[in-house]
Amino acid sequence: LGRPPKEENDTHAEDKKRAIGERNEIEGTFGTTKRVYRANDIRAKLDQTADTWIGACFFAKNIMKFLRGLSLSHFRKIGLEDLPKENYELF
């Protein structure tokens, strides 16, 4: 934050690159949530209601991620781990 230093050294450039990569990953997660779980369609009148809807969208996203992992571990346990990825990937 603030004014960039006059001399940029290698560690500063690496830190900046890492921060941009982390931000890109977070922004991608928000974009996926908005598109798949319809978080961009929230039409709440109150701020608290909108926050609740956004929380519900992320809750649904986390539940789906958990269930995908659970079903994948179940498939591996019964010996079906060689299924093509498109057969069990929903989103």
PDB file of N, CA and C in Angstrom:
ATOM      1  N   LEU A   1       0.830  -1.189   0.000  1.00  0.00           N
ATOM      2  CA  LEU A   1       0.000   0.000   0.000  1.00  0.00           C
ATOM      3  C   LEU A   1       0.867   1.241   0.000  1.00  0.00           C
ATOM      4  N   GLY A   2       0.286   2.319  -0.435  1.00  0.00           N
ATOM      5  CA  GLY A   2       1.023   3.572  -0.430  1.00  0.00           C
ATOM      6  C   GLY A   2       1.894   3.725  -1.658  1.00  0.00           C
ATOM      7  N   ARG A   3       2.822   4.620  -1.522  1.00  0.00           N
ATOM      8  CA  ARG A   3       3.713   4.932  -2.626  1.00  0.00           C
ATOM      9  C   ARG A   3       4.733   3.810  -2.815  1.00  0.00           C
ATOM     10  N   PRO A   4       4.952   3.378  -4.059  1.00  0.00           N
ATOM     11  CA  PRO A   4       5.945   2.322  -4.285  1.00  0.00           C
ATOM     12  C   PRO A   4       7.357   2.843  -4.016  1.00  0.00           C
ATOM     13  N   PRO A   5       8.247   1.969  -3.567  1.00  0.00           N
ATOM     14  CA  PRO A   5       9.622   2.411  -3.305  1.00  0.00           C
ATOM     15  C   PRO A   5      10.335   2.784  -4.600  1.00  0.00           C
ATOM     16  N   LYS A   6      11.332   3.676  -4.467  1.00  0.00           N
ATOM     17  CA  LYS A   6      12.072   4.104  -5.651  1.00  0.00           C
ATOM     18  C   LYS A   6      12.867   2.953  -6.254  1.00  0.00           C
ATOM     19  N   GLU A   7      13.438   2.127  -5.381  1.00  0.00           N
ATOM     20  CA  GLU A   7      14.218   0.990  -5.848  1.00  0.00           C
ATOM     21  C   GLU A   7      13.482  -0.294  -5.491  1.00  0.00           C
ATOM     22  N   GLU A   8      13.139  -1.052  -6.502  1.00  0.00           N
ATOM     23  CA  GLU A   8      12.479  -2.331  -6.249  1.00  0.00           C
ATOM     24  C   GLU A   8      13.521  -3.435  -6.295  1.00  0.00           C
ATOM     25  N   ASN A   9      13.609  -4.190  -5.229  1.00  0.00           N
ATOM     26  CA  ASN A   9      14.536  -5.311  -5.214  1.00  0.00           C
ATOM     27  C   ASN A   9      13.788  -6.597  -5.549  1.00  0.00           C
ATOM     28  N   ASP A  10      14.511  -7.698  -5.623  1.00  0.00           N
ATOM     29  CA  ASP A  10      13.916  -8.973  -6.034  1.00  0.00           C
ATOM     30  C   ASP A  10      12.863  -9.470  -5.049  1.00  0.00           C
ATOM     31  N   THR A  11      13.108  -9.299  -3.757  1.00  0.00           N
ATOM     32  CA  THR A  11      12.137  -9.788  -2.771  1.00  0.00           C
ATOM     33  C   THR A  11      10.845  -8.994  -2.855  1.00  0.00           C
ATOM     34  N   HIS A  12      10.952  -7.701  -3.111  1.00  0.00           N
ATOM     35  CA  HIS A  12       9.739  -6.888  -3.246  1.00  0.00           C
ATOM     36  C   HIS A  12       8.942  -7.324  -4.474  1.00  0.00           C
ATOM     37  N   ALA A  13       9.633  -7.607  -5.565  1.00  0.00           N
ATOM     38  CA  ALA A  13       8.949  -8.052  -6.785  1.00  0.00           C
ATOM     39  C   ALA A  13       8.285  -9.410  -6.569  1.00  0.00           C
ATOM     40  N   GLU A  14       8.962 -10.320  -5.855  1.00  0.00           N
ATOM     41  CA  GLU A  14       8.371 -11.632  -5.577  1.00  0.00           C
ATOM     42  C   GLU A  14       7.159 -11.513  -4.667  1.00  0.00           C
ATOM     43  N   ASP A  15       7.247 -10.651  -3.654  1.00  0.00           N
ATOM     44  CA  ASP A  15       6.110 -10.434  -2.753  1.00  0.00           C
ATOM     45  C   ASP A  15       4.917  -9.866  -3.513  1.00  0.00           C
ATOM     46  N   LYS A  16       5.205  -8.937  -4.406  1.00  0.00           N
ATOM     47  CA  LYS A  16       4.136  -8.324  -5.192  1.00  0.00           C
ATOM     48  C   LYS A  16       3.474  -9.357  -6.112  1.00  0.00           C
ATOM     49  N   LYS A  17       4.292 -10.206  -6.739  1.00  0.00           N
ATOM     50  CA  LYS A  17       3.766 -11.236  -7.633  1.00  0.00           C
ATOM     51  C   LYS A  17       2.916 -12.242  -6.861  1.00  0.00           C
ATOM     52  N   ARG A  18       3.372 -12.630  -5.668  1.00  0.00           N
ATOM     53  CA  ARG A  18       2.624 -13.582  -4.836  1.00  0.00           C
ATOM     54  C   ARG A  18       1.291 -12.976  -4.390  1.00  0.00           C
ATOM     55  N   ALA A  19       1.314 -11.699  -4.006  1.00  0.00           N
ATOM     56  CA  ALA A  19       0.081 -11.035  -3.574  1.00  0.00           C
ATOM     57  C   ALA A  19      -0.925 -10.957  -4.718  1.00  0.00           C
ATOM     58  N   ILE A  20      -0.446 -10.679  -5.906  1.00  0.00           N
ATOM     59  CA  ILE A  20      -1.341 -10.619  -7.067  1.00  0.00           C
ATOM     60  C   ILE A  20      -1.930 -11.993  -7.352  1.00  0.00           C
ATOM     61  N   GLY A  21      -1.125 -13.044  -7.234  1.00  0.00           N
ATOM     62  CA  GLY A  21      -1.618 -14.406  -7.444  1.00  0.00           C
ATOM     63  C   GLY A  21      -2.669 -14.803  -6.426  1.00  0.00           C
ATOM     64  N   GLU A  22      -2.451 -14.435  -5.155  1.00  0.00           N
ATOM     65  CA  GLU A  22      -3.439 -14.737  -4.116  1.00  0.00           C
ATOM     66  C   GLU A  22      -4.741 -13.996  -4.379  1.00  0.00           C
ATOM     67  N   ARG A  23      -4.625 -12.742  -4.766  1.00  0.00           N
ATOM     68  CA  ARG A  23      -5.827 -11.955  -5.052  1.00  0.00           C
ATOM     69  C   ARG A  23      -6.571 -12.537  -6.254  1.00  0.00           C
ATOM     70  N   ASN A  24      -5.840 -12.984  -7.254  1.00  0.00           N
ATOM     71  CA  ASN A  24      -6.456 -13.571  -8.437  1.00  0.00           C
ATOM     72  C   ASN A  24      -7.246 -14.823  -8.069  1.00  0.00           C
ATOM     73  N   GLU A  25      -6.690 -15.648  -7.186  1.00  0.00           N
ATOM     74  CA  GLU A  25      -7.387 -16.861  -6.746  1.00  0.00           C
ATOM     75  C   GLU A  25      -8.671 -16.509  -5.995  1.00  0.00           C
ATOM     76  N   ILE A  26      -8.603 -15.514  -5.136  1.00  0.00           N
ATOM     77  CA  ILE A  26      -9.781 -15.101  -4.367  1.00  0.00           C
ATOM     78  C   ILE A  26     -10.847 -14.524  -5.288  1.00  0.00           C
ATOM     79  N   GLU A  27     -10.437 -13.677  -6.226  1.00  0.00           N
ATOM     80  CA  GLU A  27     -11.394 -13.095  -7.169  1.00  0.00           C
ATOM     81  C   GLU A  27     -12.041 -14.178  -8.027  1.00  0.00           C
ATOM     82  N   GLY A  28     -11.280 -15.199  -8.396  1.00  0.00           N
ATOM     83  CA  GLY A  28     -11.841 -16.313  -9.157  1.00  0.00           C
ATOM     84  C   GLY A  28     -12.888 -17.067  -8.364  1.00  0.00           C
ATOM     85  N   THR A  29     -12.641 -17.242  -7.063  1.00  0.00           N
ATOM     86  CA  THR A  29     -13.614 -17.912  -6.201  1.00  0.00           C
ATOM     87  C   THR A  29     -14.905 -17.109  -6.128  1.00  0.00           C
ATOM     88  N   PHE A  30     -14.784 -15.794  -5.984  1.00  0.00           N
ATOM     89  CA  PHE A  30     -15.984 -14.963  -5.952  1.00  0.00           C
ATOM     90  C   PHE A  30     -16.723 -15.013  -7.282  1.00  0.00           C
ATOM     91  N   GLY A  31     -15.992 -14.996  -8.387  1.00  0.00           N
ATOM     92  CA  GLY A  31     -16.627 -15.066  -9.695  1.00  0.00           C
ATOM     93  C   GLY A  31     -17.379 -16.370  -9.903  1.00  0.00           C
ATOM     94  N   THR A  32     -16.782 -17.475  -9.481  1.00  0.00           N
ATOM     95  CA  THR A  32     -17.451 -18.776  -9.585  1.00  0.00           C
ATOM     96  C   THR A  32     -18.703 -18.806  -8.729  1.00  0.00           C
ATOM     97  N   THR A  33     -18.595 -18.288  -7.526  1.00  0.00           N
ATOM     98  CA  THR A  33     -19.749 -18.273  -6.629  1.00  0.00           C
ATOM     99  C   THR A  33     -20.866 -17.420  -7.212  1.00  0.00           C
ATOM    100  N   LYS A  34     -20.520 -16.289  -7.779  1.00  0.00           N
ATOM    101  CA  LYS A  34     -21.547 -15.430  -8.363  1.00  0.00           C
ATOM    102  C   LYS A  34     -22.233 -16.108  -9.542  1.00  0.00           C
ATOM    103  N   ARG A  35     -21.452 -16.801 -10.363  1.00  0.00           N
ATOM    104  CA  ARG A  35     -22.017 -17.415 -11.564  1.00  0.00           C
ATOM    105  C   ARG A  35     -22.786 -18.692 -11.255  1.00  0.00           C
ATOM    106  N   VAL A  36     -22.196 -19.596 -10.489  1.00  0.00           N
ATOM    107  CA  VAL A  36     -22.779 -20.916 -10.277  1.00  0.00           C
ATOM    108  C   VAL A  36     -23.874 -20.888  -9.224  1.00  0.00           C
ATOM    109  N   TYR A  37     -23.626 -20.185  -8.132  1.00  0.00           N
ATOM    110  CA  TYR A  37     -24.576 -20.200  -7.019  1.00  0.00           C
ATOM    111  C   TYR A  37     -25.461 -18.959  -6.993  1.00  0.00           C
ATOM    112  N   ARG A  38     -25.498 -18.239  -8.085  1.00  0.00           N
ATOM    113  CA  ARG A  38     -26.404 -17.117  -8.322  1.00  0.00           C
ATOM    114  C   ARG A  38     -26.287 -16.020  -7.268  1.00  0.00           C
ATOM    115  N   ALA A  39     -25.085 -15.762  -6.815  1.00  0.00           N
ATOM    116  CA  ALA A  39     -24.877 -14.690  -5.844  1.00  0.00           C
ATOM    117  C   ALA A  39     -24.955 -13.321  -6.508  1.00  0.00           C
ATOM    118  N   ASN A  40     -24.963 -13.274  -7.832  1.00  0.00           N
ATOM    119  CA  ASN A  40     -25.090 -11.989  -8.512  1.00  0.00           C
ATOM    120  C   ASN A  40     -26.552 -11.610  -8.745  1.00  0.00           C
ATOM    121  N   ASP A  41     -27.477 -12.473  -8.338  1.00  0.00           N
ATOM    122  CA  ASP A  41     -28.905 -12.230  -8.534  1.00  0.00           C
ATOM    123  C   ASP A  41     -29.614 -11.822  -7.250  1.00  0.00           C
ATOM    124  N   ILE A  42     -28.897 -11.374  -6.257  1.00  0.00           N
ATOM    125  CA  ILE A  42     -29.496 -11.047  -4.967  1.00  0.00           C
ATOM    126  C   ILE A  42     -30.180  -9.690  -5.073  1.00  0.00           C
ATOM    127  N   ARG A  43     -31.455  -9.668  -4.730  1.00  0.00           N
ATOM    128  CA  ARG A  43     -32.226  -8.427  -4.770  1.00  0.00           C
ATOM    129  C   ARG A  43     -32.864  -8.183  -3.404  1.00  0.00           C
ATOM    130  N   ALA A  44     -32.044  -8.025  -2.412  1.00  0.00           N
ATOM    131  CA  ALA A  44     -32.531  -7.793  -1.056  1.00  0.00           C
ATOM    132  C   ALA A  44     -32.608  -6.291  -0.807  1.00  0.00           C
ATOM    133  N   LYS A  45     -33.590  -5.892  -0.007  1.00  0.00           N
ATOM    134  CA  LYS A  45     -33.759  -4.471   0.277  1.00  0.00           C
ATOM    135  C   LYS A  45     -32.888  -4.007   1.434  1.00  0.00           C
ATOM    136  N   LEU A  46     -32.634  -4.881   2.380  1.00  0.00           N
ATOM    137  CA  LEU A  46     -31.838  -4.509   3.546  1.00  0.00           C
ATOM    138  C   LEU A  46     -30.430  -5.083   3.434  1.00  0.00           C
ATOM    139  N   ASP A  47     -29.466  -4.375   3.996  1.00  0.00           N
ATOM    140  CA  ASP A  47     -28.085  -4.849   3.979  1.00  0.00           C
ATOM    141  C   ASP A  47     -27.939  -6.180   4.703  1.00  0.00           C
ATOM    142  N   GLN A  48     -28.638  -6.327   5.813  1.00  0.00           N
ATOM    143  CA  GLN A  48     -28.547  -7.570   6.580  1.00  0.00           C
ATOM    144  C   GLN A  48     -29.100  -8.749   5.781  1.00  0.00           C
ATOM    145  N   THR A  49     -30.165  -8.511   5.043  1.00  0.00           N
ATOM    146  CA  THR A  49     -30.745  -9.576   4.226  1.00  0.00           C
ATOM    147  C   THR A  49     -29.793  -9.963   3.098  1.00  0.00           C
ATOM    148  N   ALA A  50     -29.171  -8.974   2.480  1.00  0.00           N
ATOM    149  CA  ALA A  50     -28.202  -9.258   1.419  1.00  0.00           C
ATOM    150  C   ALA A  50     -27.017 -10.046   1.968  1.00  0.00           C
ATOM    151  N   ASP A  51     -26.538  -9.661   3.151  1.00  0.00           N
ATOM    152  CA  ASP A  51     -25.433 -10.401   3.773  1.00  0.00           C
ATOM    153  C   ASP A  51     -25.831 -11.843   4.057  1.00  0.00           C
ATOM    154  N   THR A  52     -27.074 -12.043   4.478  1.00  0.00           N
ATOM    155  CA  THR A  52     -27.560 -13.396   4.749  1.00  0.00           C
ATOM    156  C   THR A  52     -27.596 -14.219   3.468  1.00  0.00           C
ATOM    157  N   TRP A  53     -28.068 -13.626   2.370  1.00  0.00           N
ATOM    158  CA  TRP A  53     -28.112 -14.331   1.091  1.00  0.00           C
ATOM    159  C   TRP A  53     -26.706 -14.689   0.608  1.00  0.00           C
ATOM    160  N   ILE A  54     -25.782 -13.758   0.749  1.00  0.00           N
ATOM    161  CA  ILE A  54     -24.402 -14.021   0.329  1.00  0.00           C
ATOM    162  C   ILE A  54     -23.811 -15.149   1.164  1.00  0.00           C
ATOM    163  N   GLY A  55     -24.066 -15.115   2.466  1.00  0.00           N
ATOM    164  CA  GLY A  55     -23.597 -16.191   3.341  1.00  0.00           C
ATOM    165  C   GLY A  55     -24.196 -17.531   2.958  1.00  0.00           C
ATOM    166  N   ALA A  56     -25.482 -17.528   2.591  1.00  0.00           N
ATOM    167  CA  ALA A  56     -26.139 -18.773   2.180  1.00  0.00           C
ATOM    168  C   ALA A  56     -25.528 -19.308   0.883  1.00  0.00           C
ATOM    169  N   CYS A  57     -25.165 -18.414  -0.031  1.00  0.00           N
ATOM    170  CA  CYS A  57     -24.523 -18.850  -1.284  1.00  0.00           C
ATOM    171  C   CYS A  57     -23.180 -19.515  -1.000  1.00  0.00           C
ATOM    172  N   PHE A  58     -22.386 -18.915  -0.124  1.00  0.00           N
ATOM    173  CA  PHE A  58     -21.093 -19.515   0.204  1.00  0.00           C
ATOM    174  C   PHE A  58     -21.266 -20.798   1.010  1.00  0.00           C
ATOM    175  N   PHE A  59     -22.293 -20.864   1.839  1.00  0.00           N
ATOM    176  CA  PHE A  59     -22.576 -22.090   2.576  1.00  0.00           C
ATOM    177  C   PHE A  59     -22.913 -23.217   1.602  1.00  0.00           C
ATOM    178  N   ALA A  60     -23.763 -22.924   0.613  1.00  0.00           N
ATOM    179  CA  ALA A  60     -24.121 -23.933  -0.393  1.00  0.00           C
ATOM    180  C   ALA A  60     -22.886 -24.363  -1.181  1.00  0.00           C
ATOM    181  N   LYS A  61     -22.028 -23.403  -1.513  1.00  0.00           N
ATOM    182  CA  LYS A  61     -20.796 -23.727  -2.232  1.00  0.00           C
ATOM    183  C   LYS A  61     -19.921 -24.671  -1.415  1.00  0.00           C
ATOM    184  N   ASN A  62     -19.768 -24.390  -0.126  1.00  0.00           N
ATOM    185  CA  ASN A  62     -18.932 -25.237   0.726  1.00  0.00           C
ATOM    186  C   ASN A  62     -19.543 -26.616   0.930  1.00  0.00           C
ATOM    187  N   ILE A  63     -20.866 -26.688   1.054  1.00  0.00           N
ATOM    188  CA  ILE A  63     -21.533 -27.987   1.195  1.00  0.00           C
ATOM    189  C   ILE A  63     -21.328 -28.825  -0.067  1.00  0.00           C
ATOM    190  N   MET A  64     -21.472 -28.209  -1.231  1.00  0.00           N
ATOM    191  CA  MET A  64     -21.270 -28.942  -2.484  1.00  0.00           C
ATOM    192  C   MET A  64     -19.830 -29.437  -2.611  1.00  0.00           C
ATOM    193  N   LYS A  65     -18.869 -28.610  -2.208  1.00  0.00           N
ATOM    194  CA  LYS A  65     -17.467 -29.022  -2.250  1.00  0.00           C
ATOM    195  C   LYS A  65     -17.228 -30.195  -1.309  1.00  0.00           C
ATOM    196  N   PHE A  66     -17.809 -30.137  -0.118  1.00  0.00           N
ATOM    197  CA  PHE A  66     -17.675 -31.223   0.847  1.00  0.00           C
ATOM    198  C   PHE A  66     -18.286 -32.514   0.308  1.00  0.00           C
ATOM    199  N   LEU A  67     -19.488 -32.417  -0.270  1.00  0.00           N
ATOM    200  CA  LEU A  67     -20.160 -33.612  -0.789  1.00  0.00           C
ATOM    201  C   LEU A  67     -19.415 -34.213  -1.979  1.00  0.00           C
ATOM    202  N   ARG A  68     -18.820 -33.370  -2.834  1.00  0.00           N
ATOM    203  CA  ARG A  68     -18.013 -33.898  -3.940  1.00  0.00           C
ATOM    204  C   ARG A  68     -16.816 -34.672  -3.404  1.00  0.00           C
ATOM    205  N   GLY A  69     -16.157 -34.114  -2.400  1.00  0.00           N
ATOM    206  CA  GLY A  69     -15.021 -34.816  -1.801  1.00  0.00           C
ATOM    207  C   GLY A  69     -15.434 -36.104  -1.128  1.00  0.00           C
ATOM    208  N   LEU A  70     -16.585 -36.080  -0.455  1.00  0.00           N
ATOM    209  CA  LEU A  70     -17.084 -37.272   0.225  1.00  0.00           C
ATOM    210  C   LEU A  70     -17.435 -38.366  -0.778  1.00  0.00           C
ATOM    211  N   SER A  71     -18.114 -37.991  -1.854  1.00  0.00           N
ATOM    212  CA  SER A  71     -18.479 -38.998  -2.855  1.00  0.00           C
ATOM    213  C   SER A  71     -17.239 -39.529  -3.571  1.00  0.00           C
ATOM    214  N   LEU A  72     -16.258 -38.661  -3.815  1.00  0.00           N
ATOM    215  CA  LEU A  72     -15.028 -39.118  -4.453  1.00  0.00           C
ATOM    216  C   LEU A  72     -14.286 -40.101  -3.559  1.00  0.00           C
ATOM    217  N   SER A  73     -14.226 -39.816  -2.256  1.00  0.00           N
ATOM    218  CA  SER A  73     -13.552 -40.754  -1.350  1.00  0.00           C
ATOM    219  C   SER A  73     -14.318 -42.072  -1.269  1.00  0.00           C
ATOM    220  N   HIS A  74     -15.644 -42.003  -1.364  1.00  0.00           N
ATOM    221  CA  HIS A  74     -16.449 -43.231  -1.375  1.00  0.00           C
ATOM    222  C   HIS A  74     -16.164 -44.045  -2.637  1.00  0.00           C
ATOM    223  N   PHE A  75     -16.095 -43.375  -3.792  1.00  0.00           N
ATOM    224  CA  PHE A  75     -15.782 -44.073  -5.041  1.00  0.00           C
ATOM    225  C   PHE A  75     -14.405 -44.719  -4.975  1.00  0.00           C
ATOM    226  N   ARG A  76     -13.452 -44.012  -4.392  1.00  0.00           N
ATOM    227  CA  ARG A  76     -12.106 -44.582  -4.263  1.00  0.00           C
ATOM    228  C   ARG A  76     -12.117 -45.796  -3.345  1.00  0.00           C
ATOM    229  N   LYS A  77     -12.922 -45.733  -2.303  1.00  0.00           N
ATOM    230  CA  LYS A  77     -12.981 -46.838  -1.346  1.00  0.00           C
ATOM    231  C   LYS A  77     -13.544 -48.101  -1.992  1.00  0.00           C
ATOM    232  N   ILE A  78     -14.538 -47.943  -2.869  1.00  0.00           N
ATOM    233  CA  ILE A  78     -15.136 -49.125  -3.489  1.00  0.00           C
ATOM    234  C   ILE A  78     -14.452 -49.499  -4.806  1.00  0.00           C
ATOM    235  N   GLY A  79     -13.413 -48.769  -5.172  1.00  0.00           N
ATOM    236  CA  GLY A  79     -12.613 -49.148  -6.332  1.00  0.00           C
ATOM    237  C   GLY A  79     -13.025 -48.515  -7.636  1.00  0.00           C
ATOM    238  N   LEU A  80     -13.758 -47.429  -7.604  1.00  0.00           N
ATOM    239  CA  LEU A  80     -14.181 -46.767  -8.843  1.00  0.00           C
ATOM    240  C   LEU A  80     -13.407 -45.475  -9.086  1.00  0.00           C
ATOM    241  N   GLU A  81     -12.164 -45.410  -8.634  1.00  0.00           N
ATOM    242  CA  GLU A  81     -11.406 -44.172  -8.781  1.00  0.00           C
ATOM    243  C   GLU A  81     -10.966 -43.910 -10.207  1.00  0.00           C
ATOM    244  N   ASP A  82     -11.132 -44.867 -11.094  1.00  0.00           N
ATOM    245  CA  ASP A  82     -10.706 -44.690 -12.475  1.00  0.00           C
ATOM    246  C   ASP A  82     -11.795 -44.095 -13.364  1.00  0.00           C
ATOM    247  N   LEU A  83     -12.887 -43.610 -12.764  1.00  0.00           N
ATOM    248  CA  LEU A  83     -13.936 -42.976 -13.557  1.00  0.00           C
ATOM    249  C   LEU A  83     -13.415 -41.686 -14.175  1.00  0.00           C
ATOM    250  N   PRO A  84     -13.829 -41.374 -15.394  1.00  0.00           N
ATOM    251  CA  PRO A  84     -13.439 -40.092 -15.976  1.00  0.00           C
ATOM    252  C   PRO A  84     -13.982 -38.938 -15.131  1.00  0.00           C
ATOM    253  N   LYS A  85     -13.236 -37.849 -15.082  1.00  0.00           N
ATOM    254  CA  LYS A  85     -13.581 -36.728 -14.212  1.00  0.00           C
ATOM    255  C   LYS A  85     -14.942 -36.129 -14.560  1.00  0.00           C
ATOM    256  N   GLU A  86     -15.295 -36.093 -15.831  1.00  0.00           N
ATOM    257  CA  GLU A  86     -16.561 -35.464 -16.216  1.00  0.00           C
ATOM    258  C   GLU A  86     -17.779 -36.226 -15.716  1.00  0.00           C
ATOM    259  N   ASN A  87     -17.619 -37.471 -15.300  1.00  0.00           N
ATOM    260  CA  ASN A  87     -18.757 -38.238 -14.798  1.00  0.00           C
ATOM    261  C   ASN A  87     -19.185 -37.818 -13.404  1.00  0.00           C
ATOM    262  N   TYR A  88     -18.289 -37.262 -12.609  1.00  0.00           N
ATOM    263  CA  TYR A  88     -18.666 -36.907 -11.245  1.00  0.00           C
ATOM    264  C   TYR A  88     -18.463 -35.434 -10.930  1.00  0.00           C
ATOM    265  N   GLU A  89     -18.017 -34.656 -11.871  1.00  0.00           N
ATOM    266  CA  GLU A  89     -17.835 -33.235 -11.614  1.00  0.00           C
ATOM    267  C   GLU A  89     -19.102 -32.496 -12.035  1.00  0.00           C
ATOM    268  N   LEU A  90     -19.767 -31.876 -11.064  1.00  0.00           N
ATOM    269  CA  LEU A  90     -21.025 -31.202 -11.342  1.00  0.00           C
ATOM    270  C   LEU A  90     -20.831 -29.763 -11.771  1.00  0.00           C
ATOM    271  N   PHE A  91     -19.909 -29.070 -11.141  1.00  0.00           N
ATOM    272  CA  PHE A  91     -19.714 -27.645 -11.425  1.00  0.00           C
ATOM    273  C   PHE A  91     -18.270 -27.376 -11.715  1.00  0.00           C
TER     274      PHE A  91
END
